[in-house]
Each structure stands twice: as C-alpha cells, then as structure tokens.
N, C-alpha and C. Protein backbone atom coordinates (compact mmCIF):
# COMPACT_ATOMS: atom_id res chain seq x y z
N MET A 1 -9.82 16.41 163.06
CA MET A 1 -8.79 17.41 162.88
C MET A 1 -9.28 18.76 163.41
N LEU A 2 -10.52 19.07 163.14
CA LEU A 2 -11.07 20.33 163.63
C LEU A 2 -11.10 20.33 165.16
N HIS A 3 -11.37 19.18 165.72
CA HIS A 3 -11.39 19.05 167.18
C HIS A 3 -10.04 19.43 167.78
N TYR A 4 -8.96 18.94 167.20
CA TYR A 4 -7.62 19.26 167.70
C TYR A 4 -7.32 20.75 167.54
N ALA A 5 -7.77 21.34 166.46
CA ALA A 5 -7.55 22.78 166.27
C ALA A 5 -8.26 23.58 167.36
N VAL A 6 -9.48 23.18 167.69
CA VAL A 6 -10.23 23.87 168.75
C VAL A 6 -9.55 23.67 170.10
N VAL A 7 -9.07 22.46 170.37
CA VAL A 7 -8.39 22.19 171.64
C VAL A 7 -7.14 23.06 171.78
N PHE A 8 -6.33 23.14 170.74
CA PHE A 8 -5.12 23.97 170.81
C PHE A 8 -5.48 25.45 170.93
N PHE A 9 -6.58 25.87 170.32
CA PHE A 9 -7.02 27.26 170.44
C PHE A 9 -7.41 27.56 171.88
N ILE A 10 -8.13 26.65 172.51
CA ILE A 10 -8.53 26.85 173.90
C ILE A 10 -7.30 26.86 174.81
N ILE A 11 -6.34 25.98 174.54
CA ILE A 11 -5.10 25.97 175.32
C ILE A 11 -4.38 27.31 175.17
N ALA A 12 -4.37 27.85 173.96
CA ALA A 12 -3.72 29.14 173.72
C ALA A 12 -4.41 30.26 174.49
N ILE A 13 -5.73 30.24 174.53
CA ILE A 13 -6.47 31.28 175.26
C ILE A 13 -6.18 31.18 176.76
N ILE A 14 -6.22 29.97 177.30
CA ILE A 14 -5.97 29.79 178.73
C ILE A 14 -4.53 30.18 179.07
N ALA A 15 -3.57 29.80 178.24
CA ALA A 15 -2.18 30.16 178.49
C ALA A 15 -1.99 31.67 178.42
N ALA A 16 -2.68 32.32 177.50
CA ALA A 16 -2.57 33.78 177.39
C ALA A 16 -3.15 34.48 178.61
N ILE A 17 -4.25 33.94 179.14
CA ILE A 17 -4.85 34.54 180.33
C ILE A 17 -3.89 34.47 181.51
N PHE A 18 -3.20 33.34 181.65
CA PHE A 18 -2.28 33.17 182.77
C PHE A 18 -0.89 33.75 182.52
N GLY A 19 -0.66 34.32 181.34
CA GLY A 19 0.59 35.01 181.08
C GLY A 19 1.69 34.17 180.46
N PHE A 20 1.40 32.97 180.05
CA PHE A 20 2.40 32.13 179.40
C PHE A 20 2.40 32.43 177.90
N THR A 21 3.07 33.51 177.52
CA THR A 21 2.97 33.97 176.14
C THR A 21 3.64 33.03 175.15
N GLY A 22 4.74 32.39 175.55
CA GLY A 22 5.42 31.46 174.64
C GLY A 22 4.55 30.25 174.33
N ILE A 23 3.94 29.70 175.36
CA ILE A 23 3.05 28.55 175.16
C ILE A 23 1.83 28.97 174.37
N ALA A 24 1.30 30.14 174.65
CA ALA A 24 0.11 30.62 173.95
C ALA A 24 0.41 30.80 172.46
N ALA A 25 1.57 31.36 172.14
CA ALA A 25 1.93 31.56 170.73
C ALA A 25 2.12 30.22 170.03
N GLY A 26 2.75 29.28 170.69
CA GLY A 26 2.95 27.95 170.10
C GLY A 26 1.63 27.23 169.86
N ALA A 27 0.75 27.25 170.85
CA ALA A 27 -0.54 26.59 170.71
C ALA A 27 -1.40 27.26 169.64
N ALA A 28 -1.33 28.58 169.55
CA ALA A 28 -2.09 29.29 168.53
C ALA A 28 -1.57 28.95 167.13
N GLY A 29 -0.26 28.85 167.00
CA GLY A 29 0.33 28.47 165.72
C GLY A 29 -0.09 27.08 165.28
N ILE A 30 -0.06 26.14 166.23
CA ILE A 30 -0.50 24.77 165.92
C ILE A 30 -1.96 24.76 165.53
N ALA A 31 -2.79 25.52 166.25
CA ALA A 31 -4.23 25.57 165.95
C ALA A 31 -4.47 26.11 164.55
N LYS A 32 -3.71 27.14 164.15
CA LYS A 32 -3.86 27.71 162.81
C LYS A 32 -3.49 26.69 161.73
N ILE A 33 -2.40 25.99 161.94
CA ILE A 33 -1.96 24.99 160.96
C ILE A 33 -2.99 23.87 160.83
N LEU A 34 -3.48 23.36 161.95
CA LEU A 34 -4.47 22.29 161.92
C LEU A 34 -5.77 22.75 161.26
N PHE A 35 -6.17 24.00 161.50
CA PHE A 35 -7.39 24.51 160.90
C PHE A 35 -7.25 24.63 159.39
N VAL A 36 -6.10 25.08 158.92
CA VAL A 36 -5.87 25.20 157.47
C VAL A 36 -5.87 23.81 156.83
N ILE A 37 -5.22 22.84 157.49
CA ILE A 37 -5.23 21.47 156.96
C ILE A 37 -6.66 20.93 156.91
N PHE A 38 -7.45 21.20 157.94
CA PHE A 38 -8.85 20.79 157.95
C PHE A 38 -9.62 21.40 156.79
N LEU A 39 -9.43 22.69 156.55
CA LEU A 39 -10.13 23.36 155.45
C LEU A 39 -9.76 22.77 154.10
N VAL A 40 -8.47 22.53 153.89
CA VAL A 40 -8.03 21.95 152.62
C VAL A 40 -8.63 20.57 152.42
N MET A 41 -8.61 19.74 153.48
CA MET A 41 -9.16 18.40 153.36
C MET A 41 -10.67 18.43 153.13
N ALA A 42 -11.38 19.37 153.75
CA ALA A 42 -12.82 19.49 153.57
C ALA A 42 -13.15 19.90 152.14
N VAL A 43 -12.41 20.85 151.58
CA VAL A 43 -12.66 21.29 150.21
C VAL A 43 -12.38 20.16 149.22
N VAL A 44 -11.28 19.45 149.43
CA VAL A 44 -10.96 18.32 148.55
C VAL A 44 -12.05 17.25 148.64
N SER A 45 -12.52 16.97 149.84
CA SER A 45 -13.59 15.99 150.02
C SER A 45 -14.87 16.42 149.31
N PHE A 46 -15.23 17.68 149.43
CA PHE A 46 -16.44 18.18 148.76
C PHE A 46 -16.30 18.09 147.24
N LEU A 47 -15.13 18.43 146.72
CA LEU A 47 -14.91 18.37 145.28
C LEU A 47 -14.95 16.94 144.76
N ILE A 48 -14.37 16.01 145.49
CA ILE A 48 -14.38 14.61 145.07
C ILE A 48 -15.81 14.07 145.08
N ASN A 49 -16.57 14.40 146.12
CA ASN A 49 -17.95 13.93 146.17
C ASN A 49 -18.80 14.58 145.08
N ALA A 50 -18.52 15.83 144.73
CA ALA A 50 -19.29 16.50 143.69
C ALA A 50 -19.01 15.89 142.31
N THR A 51 -17.76 15.50 142.08
CA THR A 51 -17.42 14.94 140.78
C THR A 51 -17.92 13.50 140.63
N ARG A 52 -18.12 12.81 141.72
CA ARG A 52 -18.65 11.45 141.65
C ARG A 52 -20.15 11.42 141.42
N GLY A 53 -20.80 12.55 141.62
CA GLY A 53 -22.23 12.65 141.36
C GLY A 53 -23.12 12.23 142.51
N ARG A 54 -22.58 12.28 143.70
CA ARG A 54 -23.39 11.91 144.86
C ARG A 54 -24.19 13.05 145.36
C-alpha cells in the first residue's frame, strides 16, 4: 500500500513539473488517501501484535 502511495506521489510531482495541474492534484489526492490507509493499517497491526504478546 505504501508503494502505491509513493508511486502516485511521484506521478503527481512529474505531472506538476509538466504543467498538468488537474492530473497532479488527482494523483496527490490518491497518494494522501493511500498513505492514511497505510498508517491506519500499520497502527492496527502493531496494536494487535502487542496485545498478542509477540
């Protein structure tokens, strides 16, 4: 999931450099959503592993 967030972030940067602001905004929005989902899943995973005693 983090990989996809980074890919969309890079697409947003490249699109912004070439002046495609609509595509850049869309790719940046997708990257933000994927990164937040990744963070939530990582925290949940850490909490579950901590409660299991591993």
